[in-house]
Protein backbone atom coordinates (compact mmCIF):
# COMPACT_ATOMS: atom_id res chain seq x y z
CA MET A 1 -22.59 -42.98 25.04
CA SER A 2 -26.01 -42.00 26.35
CA PHE A 3 -28.01 -39.08 25.03
CA ILE A 4 -27.47 -37.17 28.28
CA GLU A 5 -23.69 -37.61 28.07
CA GLN A 6 -23.70 -36.51 24.43
CA ARG A 7 -25.73 -33.46 25.34
CA LYS A 8 -23.35 -32.53 28.16
CA ARG A 9 -20.37 -32.79 25.84
CA GLN A 10 -22.07 -30.62 23.23
CA VAL A 11 -22.98 -27.99 25.81
CA ALA A 12 -19.39 -27.95 27.06
CA LYS A 13 -18.07 -27.66 23.50
CA ASP A 14 -20.45 -24.79 22.75
CA SER A 15 -19.51 -22.99 25.97
CA LYS A 16 -15.80 -23.28 25.23
CA LYS A 17 -16.25 -22.02 21.67
CA ARG A 18 -18.46 -19.13 22.82
CA LEU A 19 -15.90 -18.16 25.46
CA PHE A 20 -13.08 -18.32 22.92
CA GLU A 21 -14.87 -16.14 20.35
CA THR A 22 -15.91 -13.67 23.03
CA ALA A 23 -12.29 -13.43 24.15
CA ARG A 24 -11.16 -12.73 20.58
CA HIS A 25 -13.64 -9.86 20.35
CA LEU A 26 -12.91 -8.35 23.77
CA PHE A 27 -9.13 -8.67 23.53
CA ALA A 28 -9.25 -6.86 20.19
CA ALA A 29 -11.54 -4.13 21.53
CA SER A 30 -10.03 -3.57 24.99
CA GLY A 31 -6.70 -5.39 25.02
CA TYR A 32 -5.62 -8.15 27.38
CA TYR A 33 -5.25 -5.92 30.43
CA GLY A 34 -8.45 -4.02 29.68
CA THR A 35 -10.52 -7.21 29.66
CA SER A 36 -11.55 -8.75 32.98
CA THR A 37 -12.52 -12.34 33.63
CA ARG A 38 -15.96 -11.06 34.64
CA ASP A 39 -16.30 -9.30 31.27
CA LEU A 40 -15.39 -12.52 29.49
CA ALA A 41 -17.78 -14.69 31.48
CA ASP A 42 -20.71 -12.27 31.28
CA ARG A 43 -20.39 -11.65 27.55
CA ALA A 44 -19.99 -15.36 26.81
CA SER A 45 -22.86 -16.26 29.16
CA VAL A 46 -20.77 -18.79 31.06
CA ASN A 47 -19.78 -19.23 34.68
CA ILE A 48 -16.54 -17.43 35.48
CA SER A 49 -15.03 -20.76 36.53
CA ALA A 50 -15.29 -21.89 32.88
CA ILE A 51 -12.22 -19.80 32.06
CA THR A 52 -10.10 -21.82 34.48
CA TYR A 53 -11.77 -25.09 33.51
CA TYR A 54 -11.16 -24.76 29.76
CA PHE A 55 -8.05 -22.56 29.59
CA ASP A 56 -6.46 -22.61 33.08
CA SER A 57 -6.58 -18.80 33.34
CA LYS A 58 -7.26 -15.59 31.45
CA LEU A 59 -3.64 -15.72 30.31
CA GLY A 60 -4.17 -19.26 29.05
CA LEU A 61 -7.22 -18.08 27.11
CA TYR A 62 -5.23 -15.22 25.61
CA ARG A 63 -2.45 -17.62 24.62
CA ALA A 64 -5.05 -19.82 22.92
CA VAL A 65 -6.28 -16.83 20.90
CA LEU A 66 -2.72 -15.91 19.88
CA SER A 67 -2.00 -19.52 18.93
CA ASP A 68 -5.12 -19.60 16.77
CA ILE A 69 -4.06 -16.38 15.02
CA ALA A 70 -0.61 -17.85 14.37
CA THR A 71 -2.19 -20.95 12.85
CA ARG A 72 -4.44 -18.89 10.58
CA VAL A 73 -1.57 -16.76 9.27
CA LYS A 74 0.67 -19.77 8.67
CA GLU A 75 -2.14 -21.51 6.79
CA GLU A 76 -2.63 -18.45 4.57
CA LEU A 77 1.10 -18.36 3.75
CA SER A 78 1.67 -22.13 3.68
CA ASP A 79 1.97 -22.52 -0.11
CA LYS A 80 4.63 -19.82 -0.37
CA THR A 81 6.54 -20.84 2.76
CA THR A 82 6.61 -24.49 1.65
CA HIS A 83 8.00 -23.38 -1.70
CA ALA A 84 10.57 -21.22 0.09
CA LYS A 85 11.79 -24.11 2.25
CA LYS A 86 12.26 -26.27 -0.84
CA LEU A 87 14.16 -23.53 -2.65
CA LEU A 88 16.39 -22.81 0.34
CA SER A 89 17.33 -26.48 0.60
CA ASP A 90 18.19 -26.64 -3.11
CA GLU A 91 21.91 -26.05 -3.64
CA ASN A 92 21.25 -25.22 -7.29
CA ALA A 93 18.70 -22.50 -6.56
CA THR A 94 19.83 -19.09 -7.77
CA ALA A 95 19.82 -15.67 -6.14
CA ASP A 96 17.29 -14.49 -8.72
CA GLN A 97 14.93 -17.33 -7.82
CA ALA A 98 15.22 -16.44 -4.14
CA ARG A 99 14.58 -12.78 -4.93
CA ALA A 100 11.47 -13.62 -6.95
CA LEU A 101 10.10 -15.83 -4.18
CA LEU A 102 10.87 -13.22 -1.53
CA PHE A 103 8.87 -10.71 -3.57
CA GLU A 104 5.99 -13.19 -3.82
CA LEU A 105 5.99 -13.68 -0.04
CA ILE A 106 6.05 -9.93 0.54
CA SER A 107 3.15 -9.42 -1.85
CA GLU A 108 1.15 -12.23 -0.26
CA LEU A 109 1.60 -10.87 3.25
CA CYS A 110 0.74 -7.32 2.17
CA ILE A 111 -2.47 -8.55 0.57
CA LEU A 112 -3.24 -10.56 3.70
CA LEU A 113 -2.77 -7.52 5.94
CA CYS A 114 -4.61 -5.04 3.74
CA SER A 115 -7.49 -7.26 2.64
CA LYS A 116 -10.23 -8.90 4.68
CA ARG A 117 -8.90 -12.44 4.38
CA LEU A 118 -7.93 -12.30 8.05
CA PRO A 119 -10.51 -11.12 10.59
CA ASN A 120 -9.71 -7.55 11.58
CA GLU A 121 -9.81 -8.59 15.24
CA ASP A 122 -6.96 -11.04 14.62
CA VAL A 123 -4.83 -8.35 12.99
CA VAL A 124 -5.54 -5.88 15.81
CA ILE A 125 -4.56 -8.41 18.49
CA PHE A 126 -1.42 -9.43 16.60
CA LEU A 127 -0.21 -5.87 15.98
CA HIS A 128 -0.80 -4.86 19.59
CA GLU A 129 1.04 -7.87 21.01
CA TYR A 130 3.83 -7.37 18.48
CA SER A 131 4.20 -3.68 19.33
CA VAL A 132 3.68 -3.93 23.09
CA PRO A 133 4.75 -7.45 24.12
CA GLY A 134 3.07 -8.86 27.20
CA GLU A 135 3.19 -12.07 29.19
CA ALA A 136 1.97 -14.15 26.25
CA PHE A 137 4.34 -12.73 23.65
CA ASP A 138 6.46 -15.88 23.73
CA THR A 139 3.52 -17.82 22.27
CA LEU A 140 3.25 -15.47 19.30
CA TYR A 141 7.02 -15.33 18.87
CA ARG A 142 7.53 -19.10 19.01
CA GLU A 143 4.59 -20.10 16.84
CA LEU A 144 4.61 -17.36 14.20
CA ILE A 145 7.19 -14.60 14.33
CA SER A 146 10.35 -16.68 14.69
CA PRO A 147 9.62 -19.32 11.99
CA ILE A 148 8.29 -16.76 9.48
CA TYR A 149 11.13 -14.29 10.06
CA GLU A 150 13.69 -17.07 9.64
CA ILE A 151 12.33 -17.87 6.19
CA TYR A 152 12.42 -14.23 5.11
CA ALA A 153 15.94 -13.76 6.49
CA ASP A 154 17.16 -16.90 4.69
CA LEU A 155 15.67 -15.59 1.45
CA PHE A 156 17.42 -12.24 1.97
CA ILE A 157 20.73 -14.07 2.32
CA LYS A 158 20.11 -16.27 -0.71
CA ALA A 159 18.83 -13.38 -2.85
CA THR A 160 22.05 -11.43 -2.27
CA GLY A 161 24.25 -14.36 -3.20
CA ASN A 162 25.18 -14.73 0.47
CA GLY A 163 26.13 -11.06 0.57
CA LEU A 164 24.29 -10.67 3.87
CA ASN A 165 25.30 -12.26 7.14
CA ARG A 166 22.64 -13.65 9.47
CA GLU A 167 22.51 -10.60 11.74
CA ASP A 168 22.13 -8.11 8.88
CA ALA A 169 19.56 -10.33 7.15
CA THR A 170 17.52 -10.43 10.35
CA LEU A 171 17.66 -6.65 10.67
CA CYS A 172 16.54 -6.32 7.04
CA THR A 173 13.63 -8.63 7.82
CA PHE A 174 12.52 -6.55 10.80
CA GLN A 175 12.76 -3.40 8.70
CA LEU A 176 10.70 -5.03 5.96
CA PHE A 177 7.96 -6.15 8.33
CA ALA A 178 7.84 -2.70 9.92
CA GLN A 179 7.08 -1.26 6.48
CA MET A 180 4.29 -3.75 5.89
CA PHE A 181 2.74 -3.43 9.34
CA VAL A 182 2.57 0.37 9.25
CA PHE A 183 0.13 0.30 6.34
CA LYS A 184 -2.28 -1.70 8.50
CA ALA A 185 -1.59 -0.10 11.86
CA ARG A 186 -1.91 3.44 10.46
CA LYS A 187 -4.57 2.67 7.89
CA GLN A 188 -7.05 5.38 8.89
CA THR A 189 -4.36 8.07 8.89
CA ILE A 190 -3.14 6.97 5.47
CA LEU A 191 -6.65 6.84 4.02
CA GLN A 192 -7.48 10.31 5.30
CA HIS A 193 -4.18 11.88 4.26
CA LEU A 194 -4.31 10.47 0.72
CA ASN A 195 -8.08 10.88 0.35
CA TRP A 196 -8.47 7.16 -0.26
CA LYS A 197 -11.82 5.63 0.59
CA GLU A 198 -10.47 2.15 1.24
CA TYR A 199 -7.63 -0.22 0.41
CA GLY A 200 -8.85 -1.42 -2.96
CA ASP A 201 -6.87 -3.28 -5.62
CA ARG A 202 -5.27 -0.07 -6.89
CA GLU A 203 -4.18 1.10 -3.44
CA VAL A 204 -2.83 -2.28 -2.36
CA LYS A 205 -0.90 -2.56 -5.63
CA LYS A 206 0.75 0.83 -4.99
CA ILE A 207 1.70 -0.21 -1.46
CA ILE A 208 3.18 -3.50 -2.65
CA THR A 209 5.08 -1.81 -5.49
CA MET A 210 6.66 0.67 -3.09
CA ILE A 211 7.71 -2.01 -0.60
CA LEU A 212 9.13 -4.21 -3.36
CA GLU A 213 11.13 -1.29 -4.76
CA HIS A 214 12.59 -0.59 -1.32
CA THR A 215 13.38 -4.26 -0.77
CA GLY A 216 14.95 -4.54 -4.22
CA ALA A 217 17.20 -1.58 -3.45
CA VAL A 218 18.39 -3.26 -0.24
CA LEU A 219 19.07 -6.53 -2.05
CA ASP A 220 21.01 -4.75 -4.80
CA LEU A 221 23.04 -2.82 -2.24
CA TYR A 222 24.26 -5.93 -0.44
CA LYS A 223 24.69 -7.89 -3.65
CA ASN A 224 26.89 -5.15 -5.09
CA LYS A 225 28.97 -5.01 -1.90
CA GLN A 226 29.99 -8.58 -2.55
CA ARG A 227 31.47 -7.76 -5.95
């Protein structure tokens, strides 16, 4: 490959990356519908046709951002979800083991949401698309929400000694995630109301403890119903 060809490829790669990162920033700040293709092109310093060339459309670019967010979250949770899949496939695994692992997954996700391990822009985009689904919601649902929720629901069932059916376990999972998401989505309100300066170790620990207590109560309720 000649130097000129290498240079062209590098320029194209840089333009695509710049456009992608610009999209992440603008979609977080203004939302999908509040961001125009002209905004994207101007801020990324690329020709507007680059959006179509690299991503087919603005929607394709937004899907790429959502897919990247899904990949990041799954990577952060991969150790725990891999462990969960092994436990769920083990016929000898106990309800107590499933409960302990469910609590670990809850704690890990709470820390992920309340800390700075994920870029705030990613969390903002995710929560908005989750709360107000748009044309690209199927990407987020297929790549992240569905597989993660299935694992949590399976752990709910296992942790109650099969005291929960699939439908109820899924509803419990949605209720659980709603609890976790609210502490991120309403962070400023919570900080102001409780006179907290930030989500530090102490604050995150209190949030996790409360969610685990609520989850434990639900597990005990359905486990006792089976007796």
